[in-house]
């Protein structure tokens, strides 16, 4: 019996090796084929350059190959999903792509945008192609996955009863928005108008201008997206809920200001290390148990359950789509055959 098992195992290994040998790429540097569509080495390398920190230590050969395999797997999935979007007439239009491209480009000056392209090795056509894919796949998933999700009142009640402790707020919470003005521009931070102060004098003028706009009735969130010089600009300055204990670890003047604010109130510019900070008290949440009758509790639960179901259904939909597709991963085959070495360019 042992001898028979050994023979069968040997035959299996030989069959696998023969199978690998038969999987020869149809052309130079073709790393995968999806339903007849080729994915090349250059496609993978292009996205690889955007994932690796050029200023950090160079990845090892194994780390580099693992990342490239992961990127190739993403590109395979992308091709499968885009093909399905095509079959369902859900491909994004040129107008939709142009609008999204303009939106993604707006936080940067033309010089910054061109530098970003040079650093990543991508072209405008590459970006527009990626935008079209993202929009098309989202349309597909909205119809095939999101539209089929239903959260019932009973689902909400059951979740609350099982997780009641989650809705017990231990201490008062402060929902705060902010506009940050700095005297030294951070190249990694962008706002919609790409407006940044270069020094303390400019920061002071900008703070006075924004204060004037706010007193004139301008929308706080819109101004934050246009002018704030920190990472919360993209969310309209919303930094979420801050607990009272967290305020104890902040600047005493800042804590005193926050505690004295009323919901809806906006401060005058507060001096902050050569720059300024303008705060808005969006809401105050007292400590205590939140009941199921609270609309905010119900919405939180619905959002949580919807996100969970959407993630599950997205994964299942992709797995089902991949099962139906004809995929050959030549990079994986080459790595196995070379015992983990990077295939040389042909």
Protein backbone atom coordinates (compact mmCIF):
# COMPACT_ATOMS: atom_id res chain seq x y z
CA UNK A 1 0.00 0.00 0.00
CA UNK A 2 2.81 2.44 0.92
CA UNK A 3 4.54 1.67 -2.38
CA UNK A 4 1.28 2.31 -4.28
CA UNK A 5 0.79 5.66 -2.54
CA UNK A 6 4.39 6.67 -3.33
CA UNK A 7 3.88 5.79 -7.01
CA UNK A 8 0.62 7.79 -7.17
CA UNK A 9 2.30 10.77 -5.51
CA UNK A 10 5.17 10.62 -8.02
CA UNK A 11 2.72 10.47 -10.92
CA UNK A 12 0.84 13.49 -9.52
CA UNK A 13 4.04 15.55 -9.28
CA UNK A 14 5.01 14.58 -12.83
CA UNK A 15 1.55 15.50 -14.10
CA UNK A 16 1.75 18.91 -12.40
CA UNK A 17 5.22 19.53 -13.84
CA UNK A 18 4.01 18.56 -17.31
CA UNK A 19 1.01 20.85 -16.91
CA UNK A 20 3.30 23.74 -15.93
CA UNK A 21 5.53 23.09 -18.94
CA UNK A 22 2.52 23.20 -21.25
CA UNK A 23 1.50 26.62 -19.88
CA UNK A 24 3.79 28.64 -22.11
CA UNK A 25 3.02 32.35 -22.44
CA UNK A 26 1.67 33.27 -25.90
CA UNK A 27 4.08 36.20 -26.26
CA UNK A 28 7.07 37.98 -24.72
CA UNK A 29 6.37 39.21 -21.19
CA UNK A 30 2.72 38.12 -21.11
CA UNK A 31 2.11 37.45 -17.43
CA UNK A 32 -1.54 36.40 -17.57
CA UNK A 33 -4.42 35.84 -19.98
CA UNK A 34 -8.05 36.42 -18.98
CA UNK A 35 -10.67 35.12 -21.41
CA UNK A 36 -8.23 35.77 -24.25
CA UNK A 37 -7.18 39.24 -23.00
CA UNK A 38 -3.46 39.52 -22.23
CA UNK A 39 -2.02 41.24 -19.16
CA UNK A 40 1.61 42.14 -19.72
CA UNK A 41 4.60 42.50 -17.49
CA UNK A 42 4.60 46.26 -18.19
CA UNK A 43 1.00 46.52 -16.89
CA UNK A 44 2.10 45.02 -13.57
CA UNK A 45 5.35 46.99 -13.35
CA UNK A 46 3.46 50.25 -13.94
CA UNK A 47 1.27 49.73 -10.88
CA UNK A 48 4.15 48.23 -8.91
CA UNK A 49 6.01 51.55 -9.12
CA UNK A 50 3.04 53.33 -7.52
CA UNK A 51 3.05 50.91 -4.54
CA UNK A 52 6.75 51.00 -3.67
CA UNK A 53 8.26 53.86 -1.69
CA UNK A 54 11.18 55.05 -3.83
CA UNK A 55 12.75 56.77 -0.82
CA UNK A 56 12.60 53.71 1.43
CA UNK A 57 14.74 50.55 1.47
CA UNK A 58 14.49 48.41 -1.65
CA UNK A 59 12.24 45.36 -1.16
CA UNK A 60 13.81 41.92 -1.25
CA UNK A 61 13.29 39.71 -4.29
CA UNK A 62 10.66 37.70 -2.41
CA UNK A 63 8.82 40.84 -1.25
CA UNK A 64 8.95 42.29 -4.75
CA UNK A 65 7.58 39.13 -6.35
CA UNK A 66 4.84 38.77 -3.73
CA UNK A 67 3.67 42.32 -4.40
CA UNK A 68 3.75 41.78 -8.17
CA UNK A 69 1.74 38.58 -7.82
CA UNK A 70 -0.80 40.48 -5.72
CA UNK A 71 -1.02 43.30 -8.29
CA UNK A 72 -1.40 40.79 -11.11
CA UNK A 73 -4.23 39.11 -9.22
CA UNK A 74 -5.95 42.51 -8.87
CA UNK A 75 -5.55 43.16 -12.60
CA UNK A 76 -7.02 39.73 -13.37
CA UNK A 77 -10.04 40.49 -11.18
CA UNK A 78 -10.36 43.94 -12.75
CA UNK A 79 -10.43 42.45 -16.25
CA UNK A 80 -13.06 39.89 -15.27
CA UNK A 81 -15.32 42.53 -13.71
CA UNK A 82 -14.85 45.00 -16.56
CA UNK A 83 -15.78 42.30 -19.06
CA UNK A 84 -19.00 41.68 -17.13
CA UNK A 85 -19.74 45.41 -17.07
CA UNK A 86 -19.28 45.44 -20.86
CA UNK A 87 -21.67 42.54 -21.34
CA UNK A 88 -24.29 44.34 -19.21
CA UNK A 89 -23.85 47.69 -21.04
CA UNK A 90 -22.66 49.35 -17.84
CA UNK A 91 -19.40 50.88 -19.07
CA UNK A 92 -18.88 54.48 -17.90
CA UNK A 93 -19.36 57.15 -20.57
CA UNK A 94 -16.65 59.54 -21.74
CA UNK A 95 -18.48 62.39 -19.95
CA UNK A 96 -18.53 60.48 -16.65
CA UNK A 97 -14.83 59.70 -16.97
CA UNK A 98 -14.00 63.33 -17.81
CA UNK A 99 -15.94 64.62 -14.78
CA UNK A 100 -14.22 62.18 -12.42
CA UNK A 101 -10.82 62.94 -13.92
CA UNK A 102 -11.33 66.69 -13.41
CA UNK A 103 -12.43 66.06 -9.82
CA UNK A 104 -9.39 63.90 -9.04
CA UNK A 105 -7.03 66.45 -10.59
CA UNK A 106 -8.54 69.55 -8.94
CA UNK A 107 -6.55 69.47 -5.64
CA UNK A 108 -3.26 69.84 -7.55
CA UNK A 109 -1.63 72.59 -9.55
CA UNK A 110 -0.73 71.59 -13.11
CA UNK A 111 2.92 71.39 -12.07
CA UNK A 112 2.12 69.13 -9.10
CA UNK A 113 -0.09 66.96 -11.27
CA UNK A 114 2.58 66.49 -13.94
CA UNK A 115 5.17 65.68 -11.26
CA UNK A 116 2.82 63.07 -9.81
CA UNK A 117 2.52 61.47 -13.24
CA UNK A 118 6.31 61.45 -13.70
CA UNK A 119 6.89 59.96 -10.24
CA UNK A 120 4.44 57.11 -10.82
CA UNK A 121 5.25 56.53 -14.48
CA UNK A 122 1.55 56.77 -15.36
CA UNK A 123 0.04 58.72 -18.23
CA UNK A 124 -3.22 60.67 -18.47
CA UNK A 125 -4.61 57.80 -20.57
CA UNK A 126 -3.64 55.35 -17.82
CA UNK A 127 -5.52 57.41 -15.23
CA UNK A 128 -8.61 57.77 -17.43
CA UNK A 129 -8.58 54.06 -18.17
CA UNK A 130 -8.44 53.29 -14.45
CA UNK A 131 -11.25 55.77 -13.73
CA UNK A 132 -13.41 54.18 -16.44
CA UNK A 133 -12.80 50.75 -14.96
CA UNK A 134 -13.63 51.88 -11.42
CA UNK A 135 -16.83 53.64 -12.46
CA UNK A 136 -17.93 50.74 -14.68
CA UNK A 137 -17.31 48.10 -12.01
CA UNK A 138 -19.12 50.23 -9.43
CA UNK A 139 -22.14 50.44 -11.75
CA UNK A 140 -22.04 46.66 -12.12
CA UNK A 141 -21.81 46.06 -8.37
CA UNK A 142 -24.53 48.61 -7.64
CA UNK A 143 -26.91 46.66 -9.85
CA UNK A 144 -25.81 43.11 -9.09
CA UNK A 145 -24.95 43.47 -5.37
CA UNK A 146 -25.97 46.71 -3.65
CA UNK A 147 -29.49 46.81 -5.10
CA UNK A 148 -30.18 43.34 -3.67
CA UNK A 149 -29.31 44.21 -0.05
CA UNK A 150 -32.24 44.56 2.31
CA UNK A 151 -32.02 45.37 6.02
CA UNK A 152 -35.25 44.72 7.95
CA UNK A 153 -36.43 46.28 11.19
CA UNK A 154 -36.01 42.88 12.81
CA UNK A 155 -32.37 42.77 11.69
CA UNK A 156 -31.81 46.13 13.40
CA UNK A 157 -33.54 45.02 16.60
CA UNK A 158 -31.62 41.75 16.77
CA UNK A 159 -28.29 43.54 16.30
CA UNK A 160 -29.11 46.07 19.02
CA UNK A 161 -30.14 43.38 21.52
CA UNK A 162 -26.92 41.43 20.90
CA UNK A 163 -24.69 44.52 21.04
CA UNK A 164 -26.45 46.79 23.51
CA UNK A 165 -23.22 47.57 25.36
CA UNK A 166 -21.79 49.20 22.21
CA UNK A 167 -24.37 51.96 22.54
CA UNK A 168 -23.49 52.90 26.09
CA UNK A 169 -21.48 56.13 25.85
CA UNK A 170 -19.17 56.26 28.87
CA UNK A 171 -18.35 59.97 28.69
CA UNK A 172 -19.54 63.06 26.87
CA UNK A 173 -18.50 63.27 23.23
CA UNK A 174 -17.91 66.37 21.12
CA UNK A 175 -18.44 66.24 17.36
CA UNK A 176 -16.00 68.82 15.98
CA UNK A 177 -15.15 70.33 12.61
CA UNK A 178 -12.00 72.32 11.92
CA UNK A 179 -10.26 74.51 9.37
CA UNK A 180 -6.48 74.45 9.73
CA UNK A 181 -4.18 77.18 8.39
CA UNK A 182 -0.44 76.55 8.57
CA UNK A 183 2.53 78.87 8.00
CA UNK A 184 4.49 76.09 6.26
CA UNK A 185 2.73 74.29 3.36
CA UNK A 186 2.76 70.50 3.42
CA UNK A 187 3.13 69.10 -0.14
CA UNK A 188 1.30 65.93 0.90
CA UNK A 189 -1.86 67.82 1.90
CA UNK A 190 -4.29 69.23 -0.65
CA UNK A 191 -7.56 71.15 -0.63
CA UNK A 192 -9.94 71.81 -3.52
CA UNK A 193 -8.48 75.22 -4.36
CA UNK A 194 -4.91 74.11 -3.64
CA UNK A 195 -4.69 77.19 -1.39
CA UNK A 196 -1.79 77.11 1.08
CA UNK A 197 -0.09 79.77 3.19
CA UNK A 198 3.65 80.13 2.63
CA UNK A 199 4.47 81.99 5.87
CA UNK A 200 2.96 83.41 9.06
CA UNK A 201 1.90 86.69 7.42
CA UNK A 202 -0.02 84.84 4.70
CA UNK A 203 -1.56 82.54 7.32
CA UNK A 204 -2.85 85.59 9.23
CA UNK A 205 -4.40 87.14 6.12
CA UNK A 206 -6.01 83.82 5.16
CA UNK A 207 -7.44 83.36 8.67
CA UNK A 208 -8.96 86.84 8.59
CA UNK A 209 -10.47 86.23 5.15
CA UNK A 210 -12.04 82.91 6.16
CA UNK A 211 -13.34 84.46 9.39
CA UNK A 212 -15.01 87.17 7.33
CA UNK A 213 -16.58 84.59 5.01
CA UNK A 214 -17.91 82.55 7.92
CA UNK A 215 -19.40 85.65 9.61
CA UNK A 216 -21.05 86.38 6.27
CA UNK A 217 -22.82 83.01 6.30
CA UNK A 218 -20.48 80.84 4.22
CA UNK A 219 -20.80 77.08 4.68
CA UNK A 220 -18.15 75.77 7.08
CA UNK A 221 -17.72 72.36 5.41
CA UNK A 222 -17.35 73.89 1.94
CA UNK A 223 -14.72 76.36 3.17
CA UNK A 224 -12.86 73.51 4.87
CA UNK A 225 -12.77 71.51 1.62
CA UNK A 226 -11.61 74.59 -0.31
CA UNK A 227 -9.03 76.03 2.11
CA UNK A 228 -8.15 73.80 5.09
CA UNK A 229 -4.51 72.72 5.14
CA UNK A 230 -4.75 69.32 6.79
CA UNK A 231 -6.01 65.84 5.95
CA UNK A 232 -9.58 66.59 7.11
CA UNK A 233 -10.12 68.98 4.16
CA UNK A 234 -11.54 66.08 2.13
CA UNK A 235 -14.23 65.46 4.77
CA UNK A 236 -15.24 69.10 5.12
CA UNK A 237 -13.09 69.48 8.24
CA UNK A 238 -15.03 66.80 10.14
CA UNK A 239 -12.72 65.12 12.68
CA UNK A 240 -15.49 63.03 14.21
CA UNK A 241 -16.28 62.64 17.90
CA UNK A 242 -13.72 63.57 20.54
CA UNK A 243 -14.16 62.37 24.13
CA UNK A 244 -13.72 64.60 27.15
CA UNK A 245 -10.75 62.55 28.32
CA UNK A 246 -9.06 63.09 24.95
CA UNK A 247 -9.52 66.84 25.40
CA UNK A 248 -7.65 66.56 28.71
CA UNK A 249 -4.57 65.60 26.67
CA UNK A 250 -4.87 68.61 24.38
CA UNK A 251 -3.87 72.24 24.82
CA UNK A 252 -5.69 73.67 27.93
CA UNK A 253 -6.92 76.70 25.96
CA UNK A 254 -8.28 74.44 23.22
CA UNK A 255 -10.09 72.29 25.78
CA UNK A 256 -11.58 75.35 27.48
CA UNK A 257 -12.78 76.68 24.12
CA UNK A 258 -14.41 73.38 23.11
CA UNK A 259 -16.16 72.88 26.45
CA UNK A 260 -17.68 76.37 26.26
CA UNK A 261 -19.02 75.98 22.70
CA UNK A 262 -22.63 75.33 21.81
CA UNK A 263 -23.80 73.11 18.92
CA UNK A 264 -23.57 75.05 15.65
CA UNK A 265 -21.13 77.61 17.06
CA UNK A 266 -17.98 78.56 15.12
CA UNK A 267 -14.93 80.09 16.81
CA UNK A 268 -12.87 83.04 15.65
CA UNK A 269 -9.39 82.02 14.40
CA UNK A 270 -7.33 80.50 17.22
CA UNK A 271 -3.55 81.05 17.10
CA UNK A 272 -1.72 77.74 16.72
CA UNK A 273 2.10 77.58 16.36
CA UNK A 274 2.33 80.37 13.81
CA UNK A 275 -0.85 79.26 12.06
CA UNK A 276 -4.53 79.23 12.96
CA UNK A 277 -7.37 76.84 13.68
CA UNK A 278 -11.08 77.58 13.32
CA UNK A 279 -13.42 75.17 15.12
CA UNK A 280 -17.08 74.32 14.73
CA UNK A 281 -19.12 72.43 17.31
CA UNK A 282 -21.24 70.16 15.13
CA UNK A 283 -22.93 68.36 18.03
CA UNK A 284 -22.56 67.28 21.66
CA UNK A 285 -23.39 63.76 22.75
CA UNK A 286 -24.01 63.29 26.49
CA UNK A 287 -22.87 60.14 28.30
CA UNK A 288 -25.37 57.33 28.82
CA UNK A 289 -27.14 54.41 27.16
CA UNK A 290 -28.44 55.04 23.65
CA UNK A 291 -31.80 53.34 23.11
CA UNK A 292 -33.02 51.59 19.98
CA UNK A 293 -35.63 54.32 19.52
CA UNK A 294 -32.84 56.82 18.79
CA UNK A 295 -32.78 57.42 14.98
CA UNK A 296 -28.97 57.77 15.08
CA UNK A 297 -28.66 54.33 16.68
CA UNK A 298 -30.92 52.79 14.05
CA UNK A 299 -28.97 54.43 11.21
CA UNK A 300 -25.64 53.30 12.66
CA UNK A 301 -26.89 49.72 12.86
CA UNK A 302 -28.33 49.81 9.34
CA UNK A 303 -25.04 51.16 7.96
CA UNK A 304 -23.06 48.48 9.81
CA UNK A 305 -25.27 45.62 8.59
CA UNK A 306 -25.38 46.99 5.04
CA UNK A 307 -21.57 47.30 4.89
CA UNK A 308 -21.15 43.75 6.18
CA UNK A 309 -23.59 42.29 3.67
CA UNK A 310 -22.15 44.33 0.81
CA UNK A 311 -18.62 43.12 1.54
CA UNK A 312 -19.80 39.50 1.72
CA UNK A 313 -21.83 39.69 -1.49
CA UNK A 314 -19.05 41.54 -3.35
CA UNK A 315 -16.58 38.77 -2.44
CA UNK A 316 -19.06 36.04 -3.42
CA UNK A 317 -19.88 37.79 -6.71
CA UNK A 318 -16.20 38.11 -7.61
CA UNK A 319 -15.54 34.45 -6.74
CA UNK A 320 -18.46 33.34 -8.90
CA UNK A 321 -17.29 35.56 -11.79
CA UNK A 322 -13.75 34.24 -11.48
CA UNK A 323 -14.97 30.64 -11.50
CA UNK A 324 -16.66 31.23 -14.85
CA UNK A 325 -13.62 32.97 -16.36
CA UNK A 326 -10.74 31.28 -18.13
CA UNK A 327 -7.59 32.53 -16.43
CA UNK A 328 -3.96 31.53 -16.87
CA UNK A 329 -1.36 33.11 -14.58
CA UNK A 330 1.96 32.67 -16.36
CA UNK A 331 3.88 34.67 -13.76
CA UNK A 332 2.88 32.20 -11.05
CA UNK A 333 3.95 29.30 -13.26
CA UNK A 334 7.33 30.90 -13.97
CA UNK A 335 7.94 31.59 -10.28
CA UNK A 336 7.21 27.94 -9.42
CA UNK A 337 9.47 26.68 -12.20
CA UNK A 338 12.33 29.01 -11.23
CA UNK A 339 12.00 28.29 -7.48
CA UNK A 340 11.04 31.86 -6.64
CA UNK A 341 13.18 33.88 -9.02
CA UNK A 342 11.97 36.94 -10.90
CA UNK A 343 11.52 36.15 -14.59
CA UNK A 344 14.00 38.18 -16.66
CA UNK A 345 12.56 40.58 -19.25
CA UNK A 346 12.50 39.01 -22.71
